[in-house]
Amino acid sequence: MLLGGVIAADWSWEWIFYLSGISALVWAVVWFLVTVESPSTYQNISDEEVIYIEEDMGKAISQNDTVPWKAIFTSLPVWAIIAAHFGTNWAIYTMFSELPTFVVESLDFPVDTAGLLSALPWLPLAISVYLAGIISDKLVEKYPTLYVRKLIMAISFTIIASSFLLIALLDASNRVLIVMGVIIVMGASGPAWASAGVNQLDIAGRYAAVLMGISNSIGSTPGFLAPMITGYIVENSHLKHEWNIIFIISIVICVLALGCYLCFAAGELQPWALNNNDEYQAVLNYPVSSRDFNERSVLNANNNDHLTDRLIVE
């Protein structure tokens, strides 16, 4: 996206797709060469890490385990996450898919500049996702998990909705402020995105991957809904007042998503996700530090030595 405008201006728009396809093929080849089937077949991993992953985590998952589909789909905390996921992705995909057209047609930026402006908001998004994880981990040490998740989500969606409102109220001549509003929308989406993702581990435990698949499937529908609705509403992309309708719709969606999350979200493991493996749940709820792991490794080694001595004596 960063170079898309330059490529379209200097070469042609077709080359954007050519280079994207070539890059994807190169990535696929590298992926097939470096990925492995299991931790034990990966060369750059220590024996201790392999033991920790395969023994401590692996045996918590039963091959005969059945997914409680009905309980998942009737769980309000699940739908709270889906709503937050949908709202966050609506903000992101609206900016992602429509920003180049909006910047060129309504704000009258050159095509090559539009490529840079369309790529710029992704940097604060990447940074905010990372920082949100660090801040959330610190807060969870002092406050209940649900409180932290709701706090991060409330701050994030409030900033997103406020930024959309700012963009809608500004005239097209205030190009710098509008671009700043777009950057803030993307940057504020990061914490909500991260919080919705990790909340699935909070409530689903071993079914977090299943929940992620459901949430991501529904939450990704803005990828085609946002462009479709925008194309229907914005008949003349040069008129900013038509774009304002899209921004108002985005505000409503963000407010509804936040309201749903604040009302129905949960921060603890749900009954349908419980199992009999207490150690597995302890790992999920209280992540094991490297120091804890080293101490446990020493303890296991001492126990093994003691067992060996007993066998020799016998």
C-alpha atoms as a PDB file:
ATOM      1  CA  MET A   1       0.000   0.000   0.000  1.00  0.00           C
ATOM      2  CA  LEU A   2       2.885   2.343   0.762  1.00  0.00           C
ATOM      3  CA  LEU A   3       4.195   2.064  -2.810  1.00  0.00           C
ATOM      4  CA  GLY A   4       0.854   1.465  -4.528  1.00  0.00           C
ATOM      5  CA  GLY A   5       0.311   5.086  -5.493  1.00  0.00           C
ATOM      6  CA  VAL A   6       3.840   5.473  -6.842  1.00  0.00           C
ATOM      7  CA  ILE A   7       3.583   2.220  -8.815  1.00  0.00           C
ATOM      8  CA  ALA A   8       0.236   3.234 -10.310  1.00  0.00           C
ATOM      9  CA  ALA A   9       1.526   6.682 -11.253  1.00  0.00           C
ATOM     10  CA  ASP A  10       4.902   5.605 -12.703  1.00  0.00           C
ATOM     11  CA  TRP A  11       4.053   2.184 -14.196  1.00  0.00           C
ATOM     12  CA  SER A  12       0.351   1.348 -14.282  1.00  0.00           C
ATOM     13  CA  TRP A  13      -2.338   0.172 -11.893  1.00  0.00           C
ATOM     14  CA  GLU A  14      -1.968  -3.404 -13.177  1.00  0.00           C
ATOM     15  CA  TRP A  15       1.514  -3.632 -11.686  1.00  0.00           C
ATOM     16  CA  ILE A  16       0.104  -3.224  -8.188  1.00  0.00           C
ATOM     17  CA  PHE A  17      -1.594  -6.598  -8.615  1.00  0.00           C
ATOM     18  CA  TYR A  18       1.351  -8.184 -10.442  1.00  0.00           C
ATOM     19  CA  LEU A  19       3.776  -7.313  -7.650  1.00  0.00           C
ATOM     20  CA  SER A  20       1.285  -8.331  -4.959  1.00  0.00           C
ATOM     21  CA  GLY A  21       0.851 -11.738  -6.595  1.00  0.00           C
ATOM     22  CA  ILE A  22       4.593 -12.249  -7.009  1.00  0.00           C
ATOM     23  CA  SER A  23       5.201 -11.298  -3.371  1.00  0.00           C
ATOM     24  CA  ALA A  24       2.542 -13.770  -2.231  1.00  0.00           C
ATOM     25  CA  LEU A  25       4.128 -16.576  -4.252  1.00  0.00           C
ATOM     26  CA  VAL A  26       7.564 -15.820  -2.806  1.00  0.00           C
ATOM     27  CA  TRP A  27       6.128 -15.807   0.698  1.00  0.00           C
ATOM     28  CA  ALA A  28       4.379 -19.143   0.063  1.00  0.00           C
ATOM     29  CA  VAL A  29       7.648 -20.754  -1.053  1.00  0.00           C
ATOM     30  CA  VAL A  30       9.482 -19.462   2.029  1.00  0.00           C
ATOM     31  CA  TRP A  31       6.645 -20.648   4.260  1.00  0.00           C
ATOM     32  CA  PHE A  32       6.760 -24.175   2.855  1.00  0.00           C
ATOM     33  CA  LEU A  33      10.533 -24.282   3.346  1.00  0.00           C
ATOM     34  CA  VAL A  34      10.714 -23.069   6.937  1.00  0.00           C
ATOM     35  CA  THR A  35       7.544 -24.380   8.605  1.00  0.00           C
ATOM     36  CA  VAL A  36       7.588 -27.666  10.530  1.00  0.00           C
ATOM     37  CA  GLU A  37       4.977 -30.166  11.657  1.00  0.00           C
ATOM     38  CA  SER A  38       5.725 -30.032  15.386  1.00  0.00           C
ATOM     39  CA  PRO A  39       8.100 -28.353  17.878  1.00  0.00           C
ATOM     40  CA  SER A  40      10.240 -31.502  18.079  1.00  0.00           C
ATOM     41  CA  THR A  41      11.100 -31.261  14.370  1.00  0.00           C
ATOM     42  CA  TYR A  42      12.162 -27.618  14.583  1.00  0.00           C
ATOM     43  CA  GLN A  43      15.942 -27.272  14.693  1.00  0.00           C
ATOM     44  CA  ASN A  44      16.245 -23.898  16.425  1.00  0.00           C
ATOM     45  CA  ILE A  45      14.456 -24.808  19.636  1.00  0.00           C
ATOM     46  CA  SER A  46      15.842 -26.091  22.912  1.00  0.00           C
ATOM     47  CA  ASP A  47      14.920 -29.448  24.399  1.00  0.00           C
ATOM     48  CA  GLU A  48      13.417 -27.681  27.412  1.00  0.00           C
ATOM     49  CA  GLU A  49      11.059 -25.702  25.198  1.00  0.00           C
ATOM     50  CA  VAL A  50       9.977 -28.825  23.332  1.00  0.00           C
ATOM     51  CA  ILE A  51       9.226 -30.622  26.601  1.00  0.00           C
ATOM     52  CA  TYR A  52       7.299 -27.650  27.936  1.00  0.00           C
ATOM     53  CA  ILE A  53       5.142 -27.270  24.823  1.00  0.00           C
ATOM     54  CA  GLU A  54       4.450 -30.927  24.115  1.00  0.00           C
ATOM     55  CA  GLU A  55       4.035 -32.252  27.672  1.00  0.00           C
ATOM     56  CA  ASP A  56       2.452 -29.335  29.501  1.00  0.00           C
ATOM     57  CA  MET A  57       0.187 -28.062  26.758  1.00  0.00           C
ATOM     58  CA  GLY A  58      -0.217 -30.989  24.427  1.00  0.00           C
ATOM     59  CA  LYS A  59      -1.806 -33.447  26.793  1.00  0.00           C
ATOM     60  CA  ALA A  60      -4.510 -30.965  27.757  1.00  0.00           C
ATOM     61  CA  ILE A  61      -6.158 -31.487  24.371  1.00  0.00           C
ATOM     62  CA  SER A  62      -7.982 -34.740  23.885  1.00  0.00           C
ATOM     63  CA  GLN A  63      -8.343 -36.205  20.420  1.00  0.00           C
ATOM     64  CA  ASN A  64     -11.827 -37.414  21.378  1.00  0.00           C
ATOM     65  CA  ASP A  65     -12.931 -34.043  22.680  1.00  0.00           C
ATOM     66  CA  THR A  66     -16.150 -32.640  21.217  1.00  0.00           C
ATOM     67  CA  VAL A  67     -16.761 -28.949  20.657  1.00  0.00           C
ATOM     68  CA  PRO A  68     -19.820 -27.636  22.567  1.00  0.00           C
ATOM     69  CA  TRP A  69     -21.235 -25.810  19.565  1.00  0.00           C
ATOM     70  CA  LYS A  70     -24.648 -25.068  21.059  1.00  0.00           C
ATOM     71  CA  ALA A  71     -23.175 -23.681  24.272  1.00  0.00           C
ATOM     72  CA  ILE A  72     -20.747 -21.516  22.318  1.00  0.00           C
ATOM     73  CA  PHE A  73     -23.374 -20.037  20.009  1.00  0.00           C
ATOM     74  CA  THR A  74     -25.769 -19.359  22.903  1.00  0.00           C
ATOM     75  CA  SER A  75     -23.120 -17.731  25.087  1.00  0.00           C
ATOM     76  CA  LEU A  76     -23.564 -13.963  25.484  1.00  0.00           C
ATOM     77  CA  PRO A  77     -19.851 -13.346  26.207  1.00  0.00           C
ATOM     78  CA  VAL A  78     -19.077 -14.997  22.863  1.00  0.00           C
ATOM     79  CA  TRP A  79     -21.404 -12.621  21.034  1.00  0.00           C
ATOM     80  CA  ALA A  80     -19.935  -9.708  22.961  1.00  0.00           C
ATOM     81  CA  ILE A  81     -16.532 -10.571  21.512  1.00  0.00           C
ATOM     82  CA  ILE A  82     -18.013 -11.023  18.040  1.00  0.00           C
ATOM     83  CA  ALA A  83     -19.686  -7.607  18.283  1.00  0.00           C
ATOM     84  CA  ALA A  84     -16.425  -5.969  19.336  1.00  0.00           C
ATOM     85  CA  HIS A  85     -14.558  -7.811  16.590  1.00  0.00           C
ATOM     86  CA  PHE A  86     -17.130  -6.674  14.027  1.00  0.00           C
ATOM     87  CA  GLY A  87     -17.024  -3.057  15.208  1.00  0.00           C
ATOM     88  CA  THR A  88     -13.247  -2.914  15.181  1.00  0.00           C
ATOM     89  CA  ASN A  89     -13.000  -4.470  11.747  1.00  0.00           C
ATOM     90  CA  TRP A  90     -15.675  -2.124  10.422  1.00  0.00           C
ATOM     91  CA  ALA A  91     -13.509   0.851  11.359  1.00  0.00           C
ATOM     92  CA  ILE A  92     -10.368  -0.769   9.957  1.00  0.00           C
ATOM     93  CA  TYR A  93     -11.876  -2.072   6.710  1.00  0.00           C
ATOM     94  CA  THR A  94     -13.741   1.174   6.042  1.00  0.00           C
ATOM     95  CA  MET A  95     -10.445   3.021   6.187  1.00  0.00           C
ATOM     96  CA  PHE A  96      -8.544   0.278   4.405  1.00  0.00           C
ATOM     97  CA  SER A  97     -10.867  -0.154   1.437  1.00  0.00           C
ATOM     98  CA  GLU A  98     -12.221   3.363   0.966  1.00  0.00           C
ATOM     99  CA  LEU A  99      -9.392   5.609   2.131  1.00  0.00           C
ATOM    100  CA  PRO A 100      -7.520   5.761  -1.218  1.00  0.00           C
ATOM    101  CA  THR A 101     -10.675   6.827  -3.072  1.00  0.00           C
ATOM    102  CA  PHE A 102     -11.651   9.292  -0.355  1.00  0.00           C
ATOM    103  CA  VAL A 103      -8.189  10.858  -0.262  1.00  0.00           C
ATOM    104  CA  VAL A 104      -7.948  11.257  -4.043  1.00  0.00           C
ATOM    105  CA  GLU A 105     -11.529  12.099  -4.993  1.00  0.00           C
ATOM    106  CA  SER A 106     -12.788  14.093  -2.011  1.00  0.00           C
ATOM    107  CA  LEU A 107      -9.585  15.590  -0.591  1.00  0.00           C
ATOM    108  CA  ASP A 108      -7.890  16.097  -3.983  1.00  0.00           C
ATOM    109  CA  PHE A 109      -4.555  14.504  -3.086  1.00  0.00           C
ATOM    110  CA  PRO A 110      -2.347  13.228  -5.949  1.00  0.00           C
ATOM    111  CA  VAL A 111      -2.409   9.476  -6.557  1.00  0.00           C
ATOM    112  CA  ASP A 112       1.189   8.916  -5.436  1.00  0.00           C
ATOM    113  CA  THR A 113       0.589  10.894  -2.234  1.00  0.00           C
ATOM    114  CA  ALA A 114      -2.629   8.968  -1.629  1.00  0.00           C
ATOM    115  CA  GLY A 115      -0.656   5.726  -1.514  1.00  0.00           C
ATOM    116  CA  LEU A 116       1.544   7.087   1.258  1.00  0.00           C
ATOM    117  CA  LEU A 117      -1.411   8.507   3.190  1.00  0.00           C
ATOM    118  CA  SER A 118      -3.290   5.205   2.880  1.00  0.00           C
ATOM    119  CA  ALA A 119      -0.345   3.239   4.266  1.00  0.00           C
ATOM    120  CA  LEU A 120       0.558   5.679   7.044  1.00  0.00           C
ATOM    121  CA  PRO A 121      -2.338   4.797   9.419  1.00  0.00           C
ATOM    122  CA  TRP A 122      -1.185   1.173   9.594  1.00  0.00           C
ATOM    123  CA  LEU A 123       1.940   2.163  11.534  1.00  0.00           C
ATOM    124  CA  PRO A 124       0.084   3.506  14.599  1.00  0.00           C
ATOM    125  CA  LEU A 125      -2.216   0.470  14.388  1.00  0.00           C
ATOM    126  CA  ALA A 126       0.750  -1.901  14.634  1.00  0.00           C
ATOM    127  CA  ILE A 127       2.295   0.094  17.478  1.00  0.00           C
ATOM    128  CA  SER A 128      -0.941   0.394  19.458  1.00  0.00           C
ATOM    129  CA  VAL A 129      -1.643  -3.352  19.238  1.00  0.00           C
ATOM    130  CA  TYR A 130       1.771  -4.079  20.729  1.00  0.00           C
ATOM    131  CA  LEU A 131       1.485  -1.438  23.456  1.00  0.00           C
ATOM    132  CA  ALA A 132      -2.047  -2.546  24.343  1.00  0.00           C
ATOM    133  CA  GLY A 133      -0.741  -6.019  25.134  1.00  0.00           C
ATOM    134  CA  ILE A 134       1.980  -4.685  27.426  1.00  0.00           C
ATOM    135  CA  ILE A 135      -0.353  -2.286  29.233  1.00  0.00           C
ATOM    136  CA  SER A 136      -3.084  -4.919  29.608  1.00  0.00           C
ATOM    137  CA  ASP A 137      -0.640  -7.409  31.133  1.00  0.00           C
ATOM    138  CA  LYS A 138       0.423  -4.828  33.710  1.00  0.00           C
ATOM    139  CA  LEU A 139      -3.163  -3.912  34.558  1.00  0.00           C
ATOM    140  CA  VAL A 140      -4.297  -7.546  34.856  1.00  0.00           C
ATOM    141  CA  GLU A 141      -1.733  -8.006  37.634  1.00  0.00           C
ATOM    142  CA  LYS A 142      -3.603  -5.437  39.756  1.00  0.00           C
ATOM    143  CA  TYR A 143      -7.200  -5.444  38.528  1.00  0.00           C
ATOM    144  CA  PRO A 144      -9.801  -8.052  37.462  1.00  0.00           C
ATOM    145  CA  THR A 145      -9.447  -9.281  33.900  1.00  0.00           C
ATOM    146  CA  LEU A 146     -12.955  -8.238  32.890  1.00  0.00           C
ATOM    147  CA  TYR A 147     -12.389  -4.701  34.177  1.00  0.00           C
ATOM    148  CA  VAL A 148      -9.212  -4.372  32.123  1.00  0.00           C
ATOM    149  CA  ARG A 149     -10.810  -5.749  28.952  1.00  0.00           C
ATOM    150  CA  LYS A 150     -13.793  -3.396  29.247  1.00  0.00           C
ATOM    151  CA  LEU A 151     -11.587  -0.423  30.070  1.00  0.00           C
ATOM    152  CA  ILE A 152      -9.373  -0.939  27.029  1.00  0.00           C
ATOM    153  CA  MET A 153     -12.399  -1.526  24.811  1.00  0.00           C
ATOM    154  CA  ALA A 154     -14.239   1.559  26.100  1.00  0.00           C
ATOM    155  CA  ILE A 155     -11.264   3.863  25.602  1.00  0.00           C
ATOM    156  CA  SER A 156     -10.564   2.447  22.159  1.00  0.00           C
ATOM    157  CA  PHE A 157     -14.108   2.673  20.774  1.00  0.00           C
ATOM    158  CA  THR A 158     -14.656   6.123  22.303  1.00  0.00           C
ATOM    159  CA  ILE A 159     -11.601   7.465  20.493  1.00  0.00           C
ATOM    160  CA  ILE A 160     -12.630   5.743  17.244  1.00  0.00           C
ATOM    161  CA  ALA A 161     -16.164   7.168  17.332  1.00  0.00           C
ATOM    162  CA  SER A 162     -14.905  10.632  18.283  1.00  0.00           C
ATOM    163  CA  SER A 163     -12.418  10.594  15.417  1.00  0.00           C
ATOM    164  CA  PHE A 164     -15.091   9.546  12.921  1.00  0.00           C
ATOM    165  CA  LEU A 165     -17.231  12.424  14.197  1.00  0.00           C
ATOM    166  CA  LEU A 166     -14.323  14.829  13.740  1.00  0.00           C
ATOM    167  CA  ILE A 167     -13.807  13.647  10.162  1.00  0.00           C
ATOM    168  CA  ALA A 168     -17.520  14.049   9.414  1.00  0.00           C
ATOM    169  CA  LEU A 169     -17.715  17.571  10.840  1.00  0.00           C
ATOM    170  CA  LEU A 170     -14.644  18.929   9.077  1.00  0.00           C
ATOM    171  CA  ASP A 171     -14.849  20.520   5.668  1.00  0.00           C
ATOM    172  CA  ALA A 172     -12.872  18.938   2.827  1.00  0.00           C
ATOM    173  CA  SER A 173     -10.507  21.919   2.887  1.00  0.00           C
ATOM    174  CA  ASN A 174      -9.197  20.808   6.305  1.00  0.00           C
ATOM    175  CA  ARG A 175      -7.217  18.018   4.719  1.00  0.00           C
ATOM    176  CA  VAL A 176      -4.508  17.792   7.364  1.00  0.00           C
ATOM    177  CA  LEU A 177      -6.969  17.466  10.249  1.00  0.00           C
ATOM    178  CA  ILE A 178      -8.990  14.866   8.354  1.00  0.00           C
ATOM    179  CA  VAL A 179      -5.878  12.781   7.695  1.00  0.00           C
ATOM    180  CA  MET A 180      -4.966  13.072  11.379  1.00  0.00           C
ATOM    181  CA  GLY A 181      -8.459  11.857  12.255  1.00  0.00           C
ATOM    182  CA  VAL A 182      -8.015   8.846   9.972  1.00  0.00           C
ATOM    183  CA  ILE A 183      -4.673   8.032  11.609  1.00  0.00           C
ATOM    184  CA  ILE A 184      -6.272   8.249  15.058  1.00  0.00           C
ATOM    185  CA  VAL A 185      -9.096   5.920  13.978  1.00  0.00           C
ATOM    186  CA  MET A 186      -6.606   3.276  12.896  1.00  0.00           C
ATOM    187  CA  GLY A 187      -4.355   3.753  15.911  1.00  0.00           C
ATOM    188  CA  ALA A 188      -7.261   3.498  18.342  1.00  0.00           C
ATOM    189  CA  SER A 189      -8.504   0.324  16.636  1.00  0.00           C
ATOM    190  CA  GLY A 190      -5.396  -1.551  17.756  1.00  0.00           C
ATOM    191  CA  PRO A 191      -6.208  -1.861  21.477  1.00  0.00           C
ATOM    192  CA  ALA A 192      -9.804  -2.941  20.759  1.00  0.00           C
ATOM    193  CA  TRP A 193      -8.558  -5.483  18.241  1.00  0.00           C
ATOM    194  CA  ALA A 194      -6.011  -6.870  20.696  1.00  0.00           C
ATOM    195  CA  SER A 195      -8.448  -6.925  23.606  1.00  0.00           C
ATOM    196  CA  ALA A 196     -11.115  -8.782  21.629  1.00  0.00           C
ATOM    197  CA  GLY A 197      -8.544 -11.325  20.514  1.00  0.00           C
ATOM    198  CA  VAL A 198      -7.099 -12.125  23.930  1.00  0.00           C
ATOM    199  CA  ASN A 199     -10.541 -12.141  25.555  1.00  0.00           C
ATOM    200  CA  GLN A 200     -11.241 -15.311  23.601  1.00  0.00           C
ATOM    201  CA  LEU A 201      -8.530 -17.048  25.616  1.00  0.00           C
ATOM    202  CA  ASP A 202     -10.056 -15.666  28.811  1.00  0.00           C
ATOM    203  CA  ILE A 203     -13.450 -17.262  28.257  1.00  0.00           C
ATOM    204  CA  ALA A 204     -12.840 -20.189  25.888  1.00  0.00           C
ATOM    205  CA  GLY A 205      -9.605 -21.797  27.080  1.00  0.00           C
ATOM    206  CA  ARG A 206      -8.916 -24.841  24.924  1.00  0.00           C
ATOM    207  CA  TYR A 207     -11.709 -23.780  22.550  1.00  0.00           C
ATOM    208  CA  ALA A 208     -10.129 -20.396  21.881  1.00  0.00           C
ATOM    209  CA  ALA A 209      -9.124 -21.472  18.370  1.00  0.00           C
ATOM    210  CA  VAL A 210     -12.708 -22.490  17.620  1.00  0.00           C
ATOM    211  CA  LEU A 211     -14.013 -19.208  18.965  1.00  0.00           C
ATOM    212  CA  MET A 212     -11.409 -17.303  16.980  1.00  0.00           C
ATOM    213  CA  GLY A 213     -12.573 -19.011  13.805  1.00  0.00           C
ATOM    214  CA  ILE A 214     -16.193 -18.075  14.489  1.00  0.00           C
ATOM    215  CA  SER A 215     -15.384 -14.535  15.576  1.00  0.00           C
ATOM    216  CA  ASN A 216     -13.029 -13.889  12.698  1.00  0.00           C
ATOM    217  CA  SER A 217     -15.509 -15.242  10.143  1.00  0.00           C
ATOM    218  CA  ILE A 218     -18.322 -12.976  11.308  1.00  0.00           C
ATOM    219  CA  GLY A 219     -16.017 -10.131  12.252  1.00  0.00           C
ATOM    220  CA  SER A 220     -14.458 -10.057   8.793  1.00  0.00           C
ATOM    221  CA  THR A 221     -17.753  -9.455   6.992  1.00  0.00           C
ATOM    222  CA  PRO A 222     -17.109  -5.673   7.045  1.00  0.00           C
ATOM    223  CA  GLY A 223     -14.430  -6.494   4.488  1.00  0.00           C
ATOM    224  CA  PHE A 224     -17.168  -6.747   1.853  1.00  0.00           C
ATOM    225  CA  LEU A 225     -20.036  -4.972   3.622  1.00  0.00           C
ATOM    226  CA  ALA A 226     -18.211  -1.654   4.038  1.00  0.00           C
ATOM    227  CA  PRO A 227     -17.235  -1.293   0.345  1.00  0.00           C
ATOM    228  CA  MET A 228     -20.668  -2.482  -0.778  1.00  0.00           C
ATOM    229  CA  ILE A 229     -22.551  -0.013   1.420  1.00  0.00           C
ATOM    230  CA  THR A 230     -20.124   2.770   0.557  1.00  0.00           C
ATOM    231  CA  GLY A 231     -20.590   2.139  -3.153  1.00  0.00           C
ATOM    232  CA  TYR A 232     -24.359   2.289  -2.727  1.00  0.00           C
ATOM    233  CA  ILE A 233     -24.390   5.499  -0.656  1.00  0.00           C
ATOM    234  CA  VAL A 234     -21.488   7.462  -2.140  1.00  0.00           C
ATOM    235  CA  GLU A 235     -22.637   8.005  -5.716  1.00  0.00           C
ATOM    236  CA  ASN A 236     -20.345  10.991  -6.263  1.00  0.00           C
ATOM    237  CA  SER A 237     -17.036  10.389  -4.496  1.00  0.00           C
ATOM    238  CA  HIS A 238     -16.066  14.061  -4.926  1.00  0.00           C
ATOM    239  CA  LEU A 239     -18.786  15.179  -2.499  1.00  0.00           C
ATOM    240  CA  LYS A 240     -17.675  14.958   1.111  1.00  0.00           C
ATOM    241  CA  HIS A 241     -21.198  15.222   2.516  1.00  0.00           C
ATOM    242  CA  GLU A 242     -21.924  11.813   0.971  1.00  0.00           C
ATOM    243  CA  TRP A 243     -18.856  10.378   2.675  1.00  0.00           C
ATOM    244  CA  ASN A 244     -20.101  11.825   5.960  1.00  0.00           C
ATOM    245  CA  ILE A 245     -22.976   9.325   5.882  1.00  0.00           C
ATOM    246  CA  ILE A 246     -20.430   6.489   5.929  1.00  0.00           C
ATOM    247  CA  PHE A 247     -18.638   8.075   8.874  1.00  0.00           C
ATOM    248  CA  ILE A 248     -21.915   8.453  10.798  1.00  0.00           C
ATOM    249  CA  ILE A 249     -22.775   4.802  10.114  1.00  0.00           C
ATOM    250  CA  SER A 250     -19.336   3.868  11.462  1.00  0.00           C
ATOM    251  CA  ILE A 251     -20.003   5.852  14.638  1.00  0.00           C
ATOM    252  CA  VAL A 252     -23.310   4.044  15.202  1.00  0.00           C
ATOM    253  CA  ILE A 253     -21.696   0.633  14.658  1.00  0.00           C
ATOM    254  CA  CYS A 254     -18.860   1.424  17.075  1.00  0.00           C
ATOM    255  CA  VAL A 255     -21.277   2.638  19.767  1.00  0.00           C
ATOM    256  CA  LEU A 256     -23.465  -0.469  19.395  1.00  0.00           C
ATOM    257  CA  ALA A 257     -20.435  -2.769  19.469  1.00  0.00           C
ATOM    258  CA  LEU A 258     -19.110  -1.109  22.616  1.00  0.00           C
ATOM    259  CA  GLY A 259     -22.516  -1.238  24.299  1.00  0.00           C
ATOM    260  CA  CYS A 260     -22.866  -4.938  23.547  1.00  0.00           C
ATOM    261  CA  TYR A 261     -19.390  -5.654  24.883  1.00  0.00           C
ATOM    262  CA  LEU A 262     -19.842  -3.643  28.083  1.00  0.00           C
ATOM    263  CA  CYS A 263     -23.159  -5.393  28.809  1.00  0.00           C
ATOM    264  CA  PHE A 264     -22.309  -9.003  28.030  1.00  0.00           C
ATOM    265  CA  ALA A 265     -18.531  -9.510  28.079  1.00  0.00           C
ATOM    266  CA  ALA A 266     -16.875 -11.875  30.557  1.00  0.00           C
ATOM    267  CA  GLY A 267     -13.341 -12.239  31.832  1.00  0.00           C
ATOM    268  CA  GLU A 268     -13.361 -15.745  33.257  1.00  0.00           C
ATOM    269  CA  LEU A 269     -13.448 -19.221  31.767  1.00  0.00           C
ATOM    270  CA  GLN A 270     -17.004 -20.143  30.790  1.00  0.00           C
ATOM    271  CA  PRO A 271     -18.659 -23.377  32.045  1.00  0.00           C
ATOM    272  CA  TRP A 272     -18.671 -24.925  28.560  1.00  0.00           C
ATOM    273  CA  ALA A 273     -14.895 -24.475  28.349  1.00  0.00           C
ATOM    274  CA  LEU A 274     -14.010 -26.189  31.633  1.00  0.00           C
ATOM    275  CA  ASN A 275     -12.077 -29.460  31.716  1.00  0.00           C
ATOM    276  CA  ASN A 276     -10.391 -31.661  34.264  1.00  0.00           C
ATOM    277  CA  ASN A 277      -6.848 -30.623  33.476  1.00  0.00           C
ATOM    278  CA  ASP A 278      -6.097 -28.228  36.317  1.00  0.00           C
ATOM    279  CA  GLU A 279      -2.519 -27.661  35.203  1.00  0.00           C
ATOM    280  CA  TYR A 280      -3.668 -26.561  31.769  1.00  0.00           C
ATOM    281  CA  GLN A 281      -6.096 -24.051  33.251  1.00  0.00           C
ATOM    282  CA  ALA A 282      -3.377 -22.760  35.559  1.00  0.00           C
ATOM    283  CA  VAL A 283      -1.118 -22.148  32.580  1.00  0.00           C
ATOM    284  CA  LEU A 284      -3.914 -20.237  30.844  1.00  0.00           C
ATOM    285  CA  ASN A 285      -4.846 -18.101  33.825  1.00  0.00           C
ATOM    286  CA  TYR A 286      -1.370 -17.627  35.264  1.00  0.00           C
ATOM    287  CA  PRO A 287       1.268 -17.675  32.503  1.00  0.00           C
ATOM    288  CA  VAL A 288       4.441 -19.482  33.500  1.00  0.00           C
ATOM    289  CA  SER A 289       7.504 -17.272  33.599  1.00  0.00           C
ATOM    290  CA  SER A 290      10.927 -18.473  32.498  1.00  0.00           C
ATOM    291  CA  ARG A 291      12.045 -18.489  36.132  1.00  0.00           C
ATOM    292  CA  ASP A 292       9.118 -20.695  37.146  1.00  0.00           C
ATOM    293  CA  PHE A 293       9.880 -23.032  34.288  1.00  0.00           C
ATOM    294  CA  ASN A 294      13.562 -23.274  35.190  1.00  0.00           C
ATOM    295  CA  GLU A 295      12.712 -24.020  38.816  1.00  0.00           C
ATOM    296  CA  ARG A 296      10.266 -26.716  37.754  1.00  0.00           C
ATOM    297  CA  SER A 297      12.837 -28.180  35.362  1.00  0.00           C
ATOM    298  CA  VAL A 298      15.350 -28.451  38.201  1.00  0.00           C
ATOM    299  CA  LEU A 299      12.717 -30.076  40.403  1.00  0.00           C
ATOM    300  CA  ASN A 300      11.842 -32.592  37.690  1.00  0.00           C
ATOM    301  CA  ALA A 301      15.519 -33.361  37.157  1.00  0.00           C
ATOM    302  CA  ASN A 302      16.019 -33.969  40.888  1.00  0.00           C
ATOM    303  CA  ASN A 303      12.982 -36.238  40.958  1.00  0.00           C
ATOM    304  CA  ASN A 304      14.321 -38.202  37.998  1.00  0.00           C
ATOM    305  CA  ASP A 305      17.722 -38.587  39.679  1.00  0.00           C
ATOM    306  CA  HIS A 306      16.039 -39.775  42.860  1.00  0.00           C
ATOM    307  CA  LEU A 307      14.004 -42.310  40.901  1.00  0.00           C
ATOM    308  CA  THR A 308      17.142 -43.555  39.136  1.00  0.00           C
ATOM    309  CA  ASP A 309      18.953 -44.021  42.469  1.00  0.00           C
ATOM    310  CA  ARG A 310      16.018 -46.022  43.806  1.00  0.00           C
ATOM    311  CA  LEU A 311      16.020 -48.305  40.787  1.00  0.00           C
ATOM    312  CA  ILE A 312      19.753 -48.927  41.142  1.00  0.00           C
ATOM    313  CA  VAL A 313      19.391 -49.809  44.824  1.00  0.00           C
ATOM    314  CA  GLU A 314      16.534 -52.171  44.091  1.00  0.00           C
END
